[in-house]
Amino acid sequence: GDSTNVGGNVPVWNLYLHLPYTASGCRPGDIALIESSDDPDLVGAR
């Protein structure tokens, strides 16, 4: 029942991974490792 931001609102973001339409065989629970990106903060994201 404790609020992390008493009396305030926190933005909630949805996160998506887009793969080519031809990418098949992925299932829930699989883990994607971002190996390269123009955004250096994304590299290494799991």
PDB file of all heavy atoms in Angstrom:
ATOM      1  N   GLY A   1       0.798  -1.213   0.000  1.00  0.00           N
ATOM      2  CA  GLY A   1       0.000   0.000   0.000  1.00  0.00           C
ATOM      3  C   GLY A   1       0.830   1.262   0.000  1.00  0.00           C
ATOM      4  O   GLY A   1       0.301   2.359  -0.094  1.00  0.00           O
ATOM      5  N   ASP A   2       2.154   1.127   0.115  1.00  0.00           N
ATOM      6  CA  ASP A   2       3.023   2.304   0.102  1.00  0.00           C
ATOM      7  C   ASP A   2       3.154   2.823  -1.321  1.00  0.00           C
ATOM      8  O   ASP A   2       3.318   2.067  -2.258  1.00  0.00           O
ATOM      9  CB  ASP A   2       4.423   1.965   0.635  1.00  0.00           C
ATOM     10  CG  ASP A   2       4.405   1.599   2.101  1.00  0.00           C
ATOM     11  OD1 ASP A   2       3.489   2.065   2.802  1.00  0.00           O
ATOM     12  OD2 ASP A   2       5.287   0.850   2.535  1.00  0.00           O
ATOM     13  N   SER A   3       3.088   4.126  -1.466  1.00  0.00           N
ATOM     14  CA  SER A   3       3.241   4.747  -2.776  1.00  0.00           C
ATOM     15  C   SER A   3       4.687   5.183  -2.954  1.00  0.00           C
ATOM     16  O   SER A   3       5.289   5.732  -2.049  1.00  0.00           O
ATOM     17  CB  SER A   3       2.314   5.958  -2.905  1.00  0.00           C
ATOM     18  OG  SER A   3       2.542   6.600  -4.127  1.00  0.00           O
ATOM     19  N   THR A   4       5.258   4.937  -4.119  1.00  0.00           N
ATOM     20  CA  THR A   4       6.626   5.359  -4.393  1.00  0.00           C
ATOM     21  C   THR A   4       6.702   6.835  -4.700  1.00  0.00           C
ATOM     22  O   THR A   4       7.775   7.405  -4.756  1.00  0.00           O
ATOM     23  CB  THR A   4       7.223   4.566  -5.576  1.00  0.00           C
ATOM     24  OG1 THR A   4       6.393   4.787  -6.711  1.00  0.00           O
ATOM     25  CG2 THR A   4       7.301   3.088  -5.261  1.00  0.00           C
ATOM     26  N   ASN A   5       5.554   7.438  -4.897  1.00  0.00           N
ATOM     27  CA  ASN A   5       5.517   8.856  -5.220  1.00  0.00           C
ATOM     28  C   ASN A   5       4.236   9.421  -4.600  1.00  0.00           C
ATOM     29  O   ASN A   5       3.270   9.681  -5.292  1.00  0.00           O
ATOM     30  CB  ASN A   5       5.543   9.050  -6.733  1.00  0.00           C
ATOM     31  CG  ASN A   5       5.705  10.499  -7.127  1.00  0.00           C
ATOM     32  OD1 ASN A   5       6.028  11.341  -6.299  1.00  0.00           O
ATOM     33  ND2 ASN A   5       5.460  10.793  -8.383  1.00  0.00           N
ATOM     34  N   VAL A   6       4.244   9.581  -3.279  1.00  0.00           N
ATOM     35  CA  VAL A   6       3.047   9.954  -2.543  1.00  0.00           C
ATOM     36  C   VAL A   6       2.418  11.207  -3.148  1.00  0.00           C
ATOM     37  O   VAL A   6       3.063  12.237  -3.294  1.00  0.00           O
ATOM     38  CB  VAL A   6       3.368  10.181  -1.048  1.00  0.00           C
ATOM     39  CG1 VAL A   6       2.120  10.651  -0.301  1.00  0.00           C
ATOM     40  CG2 VAL A   6       3.917   8.906  -0.446  1.00  0.00           C
ATOM     41  N   GLY A   7       1.155  11.082  -3.498  1.00  0.00           N
ATOM     42  CA  GLY A   7       0.409  12.211  -4.021  1.00  0.00           C
ATOM     43  C   GLY A   7       0.735  12.565  -5.458  1.00  0.00           C
ATOM     44  O   GLY A   7       0.187  13.505  -6.007  1.00  0.00           O
ATOM     45  N   GLY A   8       1.621  11.821  -6.078  1.00  0.00           N
ATOM     46  CA  GLY A   8       2.015  12.150  -7.445  1.00  0.00           C
ATOM     47  C   GLY A   8       1.722  11.021  -8.398  1.00  0.00           C
ATOM     48  O   GLY A   8       1.327   9.939  -8.010  1.00  0.00           O
ATOM     49  N   ASN A   9       1.929  11.303  -9.652  1.00  0.00           N
ATOM     50  CA  ASN A   9       1.755  10.296 -10.693  1.00  0.00           C
ATOM     51  C   ASN A   9       3.093  10.008 -11.334  1.00  0.00           C
ATOM     52  O   ASN A   9       3.946  10.887 -11.443  1.00  0.00           O
ATOM     53  CB  ASN A   9       0.760  10.779 -11.749  1.00  0.00           C
ATOM     54  CG  ASN A   9      -0.646  10.808 -11.219  1.00  0.00           C
ATOM     55  OD1 ASN A   9      -1.069   9.888 -10.538  1.00  0.00           O
ATOM     56  ND2 ASN A   9      -1.379  11.866 -11.513  1.00  0.00           N
ATOM     57  N   VAL A  10       3.264   8.792 -11.745  1.00  0.00           N
ATOM     58  CA  VAL A  10       4.491   8.345 -12.386  1.00  0.00           C
ATOM     59  C   VAL A  10       4.133   7.865 -13.786  1.00  0.00           C
ATOM     60  O   VAL A  10       3.194   7.089 -13.940  1.00  0.00           O
ATOM     61  CB  VAL A  10       5.135   7.187 -11.589  1.00  0.00           C
ATOM     62  CG1 VAL A  10       6.364   6.662 -12.293  1.00  0.00           C
ATOM     63  CG2 VAL A  10       5.458   7.625 -10.170  1.00  0.00           C
ATOM     64  N   PRO A  11       4.855   8.321 -14.820  1.00  0.00           N
ATOM     65  CA  PRO A  11       4.527   7.832 -16.164  1.00  0.00           C
ATOM     66  C   PRO A  11       4.883   6.355 -16.297  1.00  0.00           C
ATOM     67  O   PRO A  11       5.919   5.916 -15.827  1.00  0.00           O
ATOM     68  CB  PRO A  11       5.390   8.691 -17.092  1.00  0.00           C
ATOM     69  CG  PRO A  11       6.452   9.271 -16.236  1.00  0.00           C
ATOM     70  CD  PRO A  11       5.931   9.293 -14.832  1.00  0.00           C
ATOM     71  N   VAL A  12       3.983   5.604 -16.901  1.00  0.00           N
ATOM     72  CA  VAL A  12       4.186   4.177 -17.122  1.00  0.00           C
ATOM     73  C   VAL A  12       4.340   3.963 -18.620  1.00  0.00           C
ATOM     74  O   VAL A  12       3.483   4.369 -19.408  1.00  0.00           O
ATOM     75  CB  VAL A  12       2.993   3.358 -16.583  1.00  0.00           C
ATOM     76  CG1 VAL A  12       3.170   1.886 -16.893  1.00  0.00           C
ATOM     77  CG2 VAL A  12       2.846   3.586 -15.083  1.00  0.00           C
ATOM     78  N   TRP A  13       5.437   3.326 -19.010  1.00  0.00           N
ATOM     79  CA  TRP A  13       5.729   3.109 -20.432  1.00  0.00           C
ATOM     80  C   TRP A  13       5.605   1.639 -20.770  1.00  0.00           C
ATOM     81  O   TRP A  13       5.994   0.775 -19.989  1.00  0.00           O
ATOM     82  CB  TRP A  13       7.155   3.561 -20.748  1.00  0.00           C
ATOM     83  CG  TRP A  13       7.340   5.020 -20.581  1.00  0.00           C
ATOM     84  CD1 TRP A  13       7.786   5.669 -19.465  1.00  0.00           C
ATOM     85  CD2 TRP A  13       7.070   6.033 -21.541  1.00  0.00           C
ATOM     86  NE1 TRP A  13       7.805   7.016 -19.676  1.00  0.00           N
ATOM     87  CE2 TRP A  13       7.380   7.275 -20.951  1.00  0.00           C
ATOM     88  CE3 TRP A  13       6.594   6.024 -22.843  1.00  0.00           C
ATOM     89  CZ2 TRP A  13       7.232   8.476 -21.611  1.00  0.00           C
ATOM     90  CZ3 TRP A  13       6.452   7.232 -23.508  1.00  0.00           C
ATOM     91  CH2 TRP A  13       6.767   8.423 -22.896  1.00  0.00           C
ATOM     92  N   ASN A  14       5.101   1.355 -21.945  1.00  0.00           N
ATOM     93  CA  ASN A  14       5.101   0.002 -22.482  1.00  0.00           C
ATOM     94  C   ASN A  14       6.350  -0.144 -23.334  1.00  0.00           C
ATOM     95  O   ASN A  14       6.739   0.783 -24.038  1.00  0.00           O
ATOM     96  CB  ASN A  14       3.857  -0.254 -23.324  1.00  0.00           C
ATOM     97  CG  ASN A  14       2.597  -0.203 -22.494  1.00  0.00           C
ATOM     98  OD1 ASN A  14       2.562  -0.685 -21.379  1.00  0.00           O
ATOM     99  ND2 ASN A  14       1.559   0.413 -23.033  1.00  0.00           N
ATOM    100  N   LEU A  15       6.967  -1.306 -23.276  1.00  0.00           N
ATOM    101  CA  LEU A  15       8.188  -1.566 -24.020  1.00  0.00           C
ATOM    102  C   LEU A  15       7.932  -2.677 -25.031  1.00  0.00           C
ATOM    103  O   LEU A  15       7.318  -3.696 -24.698  1.00  0.00           O
ATOM    104  CB  LEU A  15       9.304  -1.968 -23.054  1.00  0.00           C
ATOM    105  CG  LEU A  15      10.705  -2.123 -23.594  1.00  0.00           C
ATOM    106  CD1 LEU A  15      11.204  -0.817 -24.220  1.00  0.00           C
ATOM    107  CD2 LEU A  15      11.651  -2.548 -22.470  1.00  0.00           C
ATOM    108  N   TYR A  16       8.389  -2.450 -26.254  1.00  0.00           N
ATOM    109  CA  TYR A  16       8.171  -3.403 -27.352  1.00  0.00           C
ATOM    110  C   TYR A  16       9.483  -3.726 -28.051  1.00  0.00           C
ATOM    111  O   TYR A  16      10.388  -2.900 -28.113  1.00  0.00           O
ATOM    112  CB  TYR A  16       7.221  -2.815 -28.408  1.00  0.00           C
ATOM    113  CG  TYR A  16       5.900  -2.367 -27.857  1.00  0.00           C
ATOM    114  CD1 TYR A  16       5.658  -1.021 -27.617  1.00  0.00           C
ATOM    115  CD2 TYR A  16       4.899  -3.284 -27.582  1.00  0.00           C
ATOM    116  CE1 TYR A  16       4.448  -0.593 -27.106  1.00  0.00           C
ATOM    117  CE2 TYR A  16       3.683  -2.862 -27.075  1.00  0.00           C
ATOM    118  CZ  TYR A  16       3.463  -1.525 -26.829  1.00  0.00           C
ATOM    119  OH  TYR A  16       2.263  -1.107 -26.321  1.00  0.00           O
ATOM    120  N   LEU A  17       9.544  -4.916 -28.605  1.00  0.00           N
ATOM    121  CA  LEU A  17      10.633  -5.309 -29.487  1.00  0.00           C
ATOM    122  C   LEU A  17       9.998  -5.672 -30.822  1.00  0.00           C
ATOM    123  O   LEU A  17       9.149  -6.566 -30.887  1.00  0.00           O
ATOM    124  CB  LEU A  17      11.400  -6.516 -28.926  1.00  0.00           C
ATOM    125  CG  LEU A  17      12.552  -7.007 -29.793  1.00  0.00           C
ATOM    126  CD1 LEU A  17      13.684  -5.976 -29.817  1.00  0.00           C
ATOM    127  CD2 LEU A  17      13.067  -8.348 -29.296  1.00  0.00           C
ATOM    128  N   HIS A  18      10.387  -4.949 -31.876  1.00  0.00           N
ATOM    129  CA  HIS A  18       9.881  -5.227 -33.220  1.00  0.00           C
ATOM    130  C   HIS A  18      10.905  -6.114 -33.929  1.00  0.00           C
ATOM    131  O   HIS A  18      12.094  -5.799 -33.943  1.00  0.00           O
ATOM    132  CB  HIS A  18       9.712  -3.947 -34.025  1.00  0.00           C
ATOM    133  CG  HIS A  18       8.682  -3.020 -33.470  1.00  0.00           C
ATOM    134  ND1 HIS A  18       8.208  -1.948 -34.186  1.00  0.00           N
ATOM    135  CD2 HIS A  18       8.022  -2.984 -32.297  1.00  0.00           C
ATOM    136  CE1 HIS A  18       7.309  -1.301 -33.470  1.00  0.00           C
ATOM    137  NE2 HIS A  18       7.190  -1.912 -32.306  1.00  0.00           N
ATOM    138  N   LEU A  19      10.436  -7.186 -34.517  1.00  0.00           N
ATOM    139  CA  LEU A  19      11.260  -8.085 -35.324  1.00  0.00           C
ATOM    140  C   LEU A  19      10.670  -8.146 -36.728  1.00  0.00           C
ATOM    141  O   LEU A  19       9.479  -7.867 -36.913  1.00  0.00           O
ATOM    142  CB  LEU A  19      11.274  -9.494 -34.716  1.00  0.00           C
ATOM    143  CG  LEU A  19      11.826  -9.629 -33.300  1.00  0.00           C
ATOM    144  CD1 LEU A  19      11.657 -11.059 -32.803  1.00  0.00           C
ATOM    145  CD2 LEU A  19      13.279  -9.210 -33.244  1.00  0.00           C
ATOM    146  N   PRO A  20      11.477  -8.512 -37.722  1.00  0.00           N
ATOM    147  CA  PRO A  20      10.925  -8.637 -39.079  1.00  0.00           C
ATOM    148  C   PRO A  20       9.769  -9.634 -39.113  1.00  0.00           C
ATOM    149  O   PRO A  20       9.724 -10.585 -38.312  1.00  0.00           O
ATOM    150  CB  PRO A  20      12.107  -9.160 -39.904  1.00  0.00           C
ATOM    151  CG  PRO A  20      13.313  -8.759 -39.124  1.00  0.00           C
ATOM    152  CD  PRO A  20      12.910  -8.810 -37.676  1.00  0.00           C
ATOM    153  N   TYR A  21       8.866  -9.426 -40.031  1.00  0.00           N
ATOM    154  CA  TYR A  21       7.720 -10.312 -40.175  1.00  0.00           C
ATOM    155  C   TYR A  21       8.160 -11.760 -40.401  1.00  0.00           C
ATOM    156  O   TYR A  21       7.479 -12.693 -39.996  1.00  0.00           O
ATOM    157  CB  TYR A  21       6.823  -9.837 -41.331  1.00  0.00           C
ATOM    158  CG  TYR A  21       5.617 -10.701 -41.505  1.00  0.00           C
ATOM    159  CD1 TYR A  21       4.548 -10.587 -40.629  1.00  0.00           C
ATOM    160  CD2 TYR A  21       5.557 -11.656 -42.516  1.00  0.00           C
ATOM    161  CE1 TYR A  21       3.439 -11.399 -40.750  1.00  0.00           C
ATOM    162  CE2 TYR A  21       4.450 -12.472 -42.653  1.00  0.00           C
ATOM    163  CZ  TYR A  21       3.399 -12.343 -41.761  1.00  0.00           C
ATOM    164  OH  TYR A  21       2.305 -13.155 -41.888  1.00  0.00           O
ATOM    165  N   THR A  22       9.307 -11.936 -41.008  1.00  0.00           N
ATOM    166  CA  THR A  22       9.803 -13.277 -41.322  1.00  0.00           C
ATOM    167  C   THR A  22      10.444 -13.972 -40.121  1.00  0.00           C
ATOM    168  O   THR A  22      10.754 -15.164 -40.201  1.00  0.00           O
ATOM    169  CB  THR A  22      10.835 -13.214 -42.462  1.00  0.00           C
ATOM    170  OG1 THR A  22      11.876 -12.300 -42.074  1.00  0.00           O
ATOM    171  CG2 THR A  22      10.191 -12.749 -43.755  1.00  0.00           C
ATOM    172  N   ALA A  23      10.659 -13.262 -39.018  1.00  0.00           N
ATOM    173  CA  ALA A  23      11.257 -13.868 -37.824  1.00  0.00           C
ATOM    174  C   ALA A  23      10.220 -14.773 -37.174  1.00  0.00           C
ATOM    175  O   ALA A  23       9.214 -14.310 -36.652  1.00  0.00           O
ATOM    176  CB  ALA A  23      11.718 -12.791 -36.845  1.00  0.00           C
ATOM    177  N   SER A  24      10.459 -16.059 -37.221  1.00  0.00           N
ATOM    178  CA  SER A  24       9.476 -16.991 -36.660  1.00  0.00           C
ATOM    179  C   SER A  24      10.151 -17.880 -35.625  1.00  0.00           C
ATOM    180  O   SER A  24      11.376 -17.991 -35.572  1.00  0.00           O
ATOM    181  CB  SER A  24       8.842 -17.838 -37.767  1.00  0.00           C
ATOM    182  OG  SER A  24       9.825 -18.600 -38.409  1.00  0.00           O
ATOM    183  N   GLY A  25       9.338 -18.491 -34.810  1.00  0.00           N
ATOM    184  CA  GLY A  25       9.850 -19.427 -33.813  1.00  0.00           C
ATOM    185  C   GLY A  25      10.049 -18.829 -32.437  1.00  0.00           C
ATOM    186  O   GLY A  25      10.325 -19.555 -31.484  1.00  0.00           O
ATOM    187  N   CYS A  26       9.929 -17.514 -32.292  1.00  0.00           N
ATOM    188  CA  CYS A  26      10.070 -16.888 -30.965  1.00  0.00           C
ATOM    189  C   CYS A  26       8.840 -17.224 -30.132  1.00  0.00           C
ATOM    190  O   CYS A  26       7.732 -17.330 -30.657  1.00  0.00           O
ATOM    191  CB  CYS A  26      10.221 -15.386 -31.097  1.00  0.00           C
ATOM    192  SG  CYS A  26      11.717 -14.879 -31.961  1.00  0.00           S
ATOM    193  N   ARG A  27       9.070 -17.368 -28.815  1.00  0.00           N
ATOM    194  CA  ARG A  27       7.973 -17.691 -27.897  1.00  0.00           C
ATOM    195  C   ARG A  27       8.081 -16.847 -26.638  1.00  0.00           C
ATOM    196  O   ARG A  27       9.177 -16.378 -26.298  1.00  0.00           O
ATOM    197  CB  ARG A  27       8.032 -19.166 -27.500  1.00  0.00           C
ATOM    198  CG  ARG A  27       7.805 -20.122 -28.627  1.00  0.00           C
ATOM    199  CD  ARG A  27       7.574 -21.544 -28.158  1.00  0.00           C
ATOM    200  NE  ARG A  27       8.545 -22.024 -27.194  1.00  0.00           N
ATOM    201  CZ  ARG A  27       9.116 -23.218 -27.229  1.00  0.00           C
ATOM    202  NH1 ARG A  27       8.837 -24.054 -28.193  1.00  0.00           N
ATOM    203  NH2 ARG A  27       9.968 -23.577 -26.297  1.00  0.00           N
ATOM    204  N   PRO A  28       6.974 -16.685 -25.928  1.00  0.00           N
ATOM    205  CA  PRO A  28       7.052 -15.997 -24.639  1.00  0.00           C
ATOM    206  C   PRO A  28       8.088 -16.677 -23.736  1.00  0.00           C
ATOM    207  O   PRO A  28       8.193 -17.904 -23.714  1.00  0.00           O
ATOM    208  CB  PRO A  28       5.640 -16.156 -24.062  1.00  0.00           C
ATOM    209  CG  PRO A  28       4.764 -16.297 -25.276  1.00  0.00           C
ATOM    210  CD  PRO A  28       5.608 -17.079 -26.266  1.00  0.00           C
ATOM    211  N   GLY A  29       8.864 -15.878 -23.022  1.00  0.00           N
ATOM    212  CA  GLY A  29       9.917 -16.399 -22.153  1.00  0.00           C
ATOM    213  C   GLY A  29      11.291 -16.366 -22.803  1.00  0.00           C
ATOM    214  O   GLY A  29      12.300 -16.449 -22.099  1.00  0.00           O
ATOM    215  N   ASP A  30      11.343 -16.247 -24.135  1.00  0.00           N
ATOM    216  CA  ASP A  30      12.637 -16.109 -24.807  1.00  0.00           C
ATOM    217  C   ASP A  30      13.258 -14.778 -24.387  1.00  0.00           C
ATOM    218  O   ASP A  30      12.550 -13.852 -23.982  1.00  0.00           O
ATOM    219  CB  ASP A  30      12.472 -16.146 -26.331  1.00  0.00           C
ATOM    220  CG  ASP A  30      12.076 -17.517 -26.854  1.00  0.00           C
ATOM    221  OD1 ASP A  30      12.140 -18.505 -26.096  1.00  0.00           O
ATOM    222  OD2 ASP A  30      11.685 -17.593 -28.039  1.00  0.00           O
ATOM    223  N   ILE A  31      14.577 -14.695 -24.507  1.00  0.00           N
ATOM    224  CA  ILE A  31      15.283 -13.490 -24.076  1.00  0.00           C
ATOM    225  C   ILE A  31      16.053 -12.902 -25.246  1.00  0.00           C
ATOM    226  O   ILE A  31      16.827 -13.593 -25.911  1.00  0.00           O
ATOM    227  CB  ILE A  31      16.229 -13.802 -22.910  1.00  0.00           C
ATOM    228  CG1 ILE A  31      15.392 -14.317 -21.751  1.00  0.00           C
ATOM    229  CG2 ILE A  31      17.051 -12.572 -22.528  1.00  0.00           C
ATOM    230  CD1 ILE A  31      16.108 -14.748 -20.547  1.00  0.00           C
ATOM    231  N   ALA A  32      15.819 -11.599 -25.485  1.00  0.00           N
ATOM    232  CA  ALA A  32      16.516 -10.879 -26.550  1.00  0.00           C
ATOM    233  C   ALA A  32      17.643 -10.061 -25.934  1.00  0.00           C
ATOM    234  O   ALA A  32      17.448  -9.370 -24.936  1.00  0.00           O
ATOM    235  CB  ALA A  32      15.552  -9.965 -27.292  1.00  0.00           C
ATOM    236  N   LEU A  33      18.819 -10.155 -26.528  1.00  0.00           N
ATOM    237  CA  LEU A  33      19.967  -9.344 -26.133  1.00  0.00           C
ATOM    238  C   LEU A  33      20.233  -8.353 -27.256  1.00  0.00           C
ATOM    239  O   LEU A  33      20.446  -8.755 -28.407  1.00  0.00           O
ATOM    240  CB  LEU A  33      21.198 -10.219 -25.914  1.00  0.00           C
ATOM    241  CG  LEU A  33      22.505  -9.467 -25.658  1.00  0.00           C
ATOM    242  CD1 LEU A  33      22.448  -8.718 -24.325  1.00  0.00           C
ATOM    243  CD2 LEU A  33      23.687 -10.427 -25.685  1.00  0.00           C
ATOM    244  N   ILE A  34      20.195  -7.054 -26.929  1.00  0.00           N
ATOM    245  CA  ILE A  34      20.474  -6.028 -27.935  1.00  0.00           C
ATOM    246  C   ILE A  34      21.987  -5.940 -28.083  1.00  0.00           C
ATOM    247  O   ILE A  34      22.698  -5.575 -27.154  1.00  0.00           O
ATOM    248  CB  ILE A  34      19.888  -4.654 -27.541  1.00  0.00           C
ATOM    249  CG1 ILE A  34      18.386  -4.771 -27.243  1.00  0.00           C
ATOM    250  CG2 ILE A  34      20.162  -3.631 -28.640  1.00  0.00           C
ATOM    251  CD1 ILE A  34      17.546  -5.278 -28.384  1.00  0.00           C
ATOM    252  N   GLU A  35      22.484  -6.300 -29.263  1.00  0.00           N
ATOM    253  CA  GLU A  35      23.928  -6.366 -29.503  1.00  0.00           C
ATOM    254  C   GLU A  35      24.498  -5.081 -30.068  1.00  0.00           C
ATOM    255  O   GLU A  35      25.638  -4.740 -29.795  1.00  0.00           O
ATOM    256  CB  GLU A  35      24.236  -7.539 -30.430  1.00  0.00           C
ATOM    257  CG  GLU A  35      23.880  -8.866 -29.790  1.00  0.00           C
ATOM    258  CD  GLU A  35      24.129 -10.030 -30.711  1.00  0.00           C
ATOM    259  OE1 GLU A  35      24.670  -9.848 -31.820  1.00  0.00           O
ATOM    260  OE2 GLU A  35      23.776 -11.154 -30.328  1.00  0.00           O
ATOM    261  N   SER A  36      23.711  -4.399 -30.892  1.00  0.00           N
ATOM    262  CA  SER A  36      24.182  -3.121 -31.420  1.00  0.00           C
ATOM    263  C   SER A  36      22.989  -2.209 -31.636  1.00  0.00           C
ATOM    264  O   SER A  36      21.882  -2.658 -31.910  1.00  0.00           O
ATOM    265  CB  SER A  36      24.977  -3.305 -32.721  1.00  0.00           C
ATOM    266  OG  SER A  36      24.125  -3.715 -33.764  1.00  0.00           O
ATOM    267  N   SER A  37      23.255  -0.911 -31.465  1.00  0.00           N
ATOM    268  CA  SER A  37      22.213   0.092 -31.605  1.00  0.00           C
ATOM    269  C   SER A  37      22.873   1.445 -31.774  1.00  0.00           C
ATOM    270  O   SER A  37      23.980   1.672 -31.274  1.00  0.00           O
ATOM    271  CB  SER A  37      21.323   0.108 -30.354  1.00  0.00           C
ATOM    272  OG  SER A  37      20.396   1.167 -30.417  1.00  0.00           O
ATOM    273  N   ASP A  38      22.186   2.358 -32.447  1.00  0.00           N
ATOM    274  CA  ASP A  38      22.669   3.735 -32.515  1.00  0.00           C
ATOM    275  C   ASP A  38      22.582   4.400 -31.145  1.00  0.00           C
ATOM    276  O   ASP A  38      23.261   5.383 -30.885  1.00  0.00           O
ATOM    277  CB  ASP A  38      21.858   4.539 -33.534  1.00  0.00           C
ATOM    278  CG  ASP A  38      22.205   4.163 -34.962  1.00  0.00           C
ATOM    279  OD1 ASP A  38      23.277   3.560 -35.184  1.00  0.00           O
ATOM    280  OD2 ASP A  38      21.404   4.484 -35.864  1.00  0.00           O
ATOM    281  N   ASP A  39      21.728   3.880 -30.265  1.00  0.00           N
ATOM    282  CA  ASP A  39      21.616   4.377 -28.895  1.00  0.00           C
ATOM    283  C   ASP A  39      22.517   3.519 -28.011  1.00  0.00           C
ATOM    284  O   ASP A  39      22.193   2.364 -27.727  1.00  0.00           O
ATOM    285  CB  ASP A  39      20.168   4.293 -28.412  1.00  0.00           C
ATOM    286  CG  ASP A  39      19.984   4.796 -27.000  1.00  0.00           C
ATOM    287  OD1 ASP A  39      20.994   5.027 -26.295  1.00  0.00           O
ATOM    288  OD2 ASP A  39      18.825   4.951 -26.575  1.00  0.00           O
ATOM    289  N   PRO A  40      23.661   4.048 -27.558  1.00  0.00           N
ATOM    290  CA  PRO A  40      24.588   3.237 -26.771  1.00  0.00           C
ATOM    291  C   PRO A  40      23.984   2.706 -25.471  1.00  0.00           C
ATOM    292  O   PRO A  40      24.427   1.680 -24.958  1.00  0.00           O
ATOM    293  CB  PRO A  40      25.758   4.180 -26.489  1.00  0.00           C
ATOM    294  CG  PRO A  40      25.256   5.552 -26.757  1.00  0.00           C
ATOM    295  CD  PRO A  40      24.123   5.423 -27.728  1.00  0.00           C
ATOM    296  N   ASP A  41      22.942   3.364 -24.952  1.00  0.00           N
ATOM    297  CA  ASP A  41      22.314   2.882 -23.724  1.00  0.00           C
ATOM    298  C   ASP A  41      21.490   1.614 -23.938  1.00  0.00           C
ATOM    299  O   ASP A  41      21.138   0.935 -22.974  1.00  0.00           O
ATOM    300  CB  ASP A  41      21.428   3.972 -23.110  1.00  0.00           C
ATOM    301  CG  ASP A  41      22.246   5.124 -22.550  1.00  0.00           C
ATOM    302  OD1 ASP A  41      23.427   4.910 -22.202  1.00  0.00           O
ATOM    303  OD2 ASP A  41      21.709   6.246 -22.471  1.00  0.00           O
ATOM    304  N   LEU A  42      21.162   1.299 -25.178  1.00  0.00           N
ATOM    305  CA  LEU A  42      20.409   0.079 -25.463  1.00  0.00           C
ATOM    306  C   LEU A  42      21.311  -1.142 -25.612  1.00  0.00           C
ATOM    307  O   LEU A  42      20.865  -2.273 -25.424  1.00  0.00           O
ATOM    308  CB  LEU A  42      19.574   0.243 -26.738  1.00  0.00           C
ATOM    309  CG  LEU A  42      18.340   1.123 -26.631  1.00  0.00           C
ATOM    310  CD1 LEU A  42      17.675   1.260 -28.000  1.00  0.00           C
ATOM    311  CD2 LEU A  42      17.358   0.560 -25.623  1.00  0.00           C
ATOM    312  N   VAL A  43      22.574  -0.922 -25.957  1.00  0.00           N
ATOM    313  CA  VAL A  43      23.493  -2.042 -26.171  1.00  0.00           C
ATOM    314  C   VAL A  43      23.663  -2.808 -24.861  1.00  0.00           C
ATOM    315  O   VAL A  43      23.956  -2.222 -23.817  1.00  0.00           O
ATOM    316  CB  VAL A  43      24.852  -1.563 -26.708  1.00  0.00           C
ATOM    317  CG1 VAL A  43      25.825  -2.726 -26.838  1.00  0.00           C
ATOM    318  CG2 VAL A  43      24.672  -0.858 -28.048  1.00  0.00           C
ATOM    319  N   GLY A  44      23.434  -4.107 -24.923  1.00  0.00           N
ATOM    320  CA  GLY A  44      23.526  -4.948 -23.742  1.00  0.00           C
ATOM    321  C   GLY A  44      22.210  -5.142 -23.023  1.00  0.00           C
ATOM    322  O   GLY A  44      22.114  -5.947 -22.100  1.00  0.00           O
ATOM    323  N   ALA A  45      21.171  -4.418 -23.446  1.00  0.00           N
ATOM    324  CA  ALA A  45      19.857  -4.583 -22.814  1.00  0.00           C
ATOM    325  C   ALA A  45      19.349  -5.994 -23.045  1.00  0.00           C
ATOM    326  O   ALA A  45      19.524  -6.571 -24.124  1.00  0.00           O
ATOM    327  CB  ALA A  45      18.863  -3.563 -23.369  1.00  0.00           C
ATOM    328  N   ARG A  46      18.739  -6.556 -21.997  1.00  0.00           N
ATOM    329  CA  ARG A  46      18.132  -7.888 -22.091  1.00  0.00           C
ATOM    330  C   ARG A  46      16.635  -7.729 -21.909  1.00  0.00           C
ATOM    331  O   ARG A  46      16.178  -7.129 -20.937  1.00  0.00           O
ATOM    332  CB  ARG A  46      18.706  -8.826 -21.036  1.00  0.00           C
ATOM    333  CG  ARG A  46      20.172  -9.098 -21.276  1.00  0.00           C
ATOM    334  CD  ARG A  46      20.799 -10.110 -20.330  1.00  0.00           C
ATOM    335  NE  ARG A  46      20.270 -10.116 -18.994  1.00  0.00           N
ATOM    336  CZ  ARG A  46      20.064 -11.225 -18.283  1.00  0.00           C
ATOM    337  NH1 ARG A  46      20.324 -12.405 -18.797  1.00  0.00           N
ATOM    338  NH2 ARG A  46      19.597 -11.158 -17.048  1.00  0.00           N
TER     339      ARG A  46
END
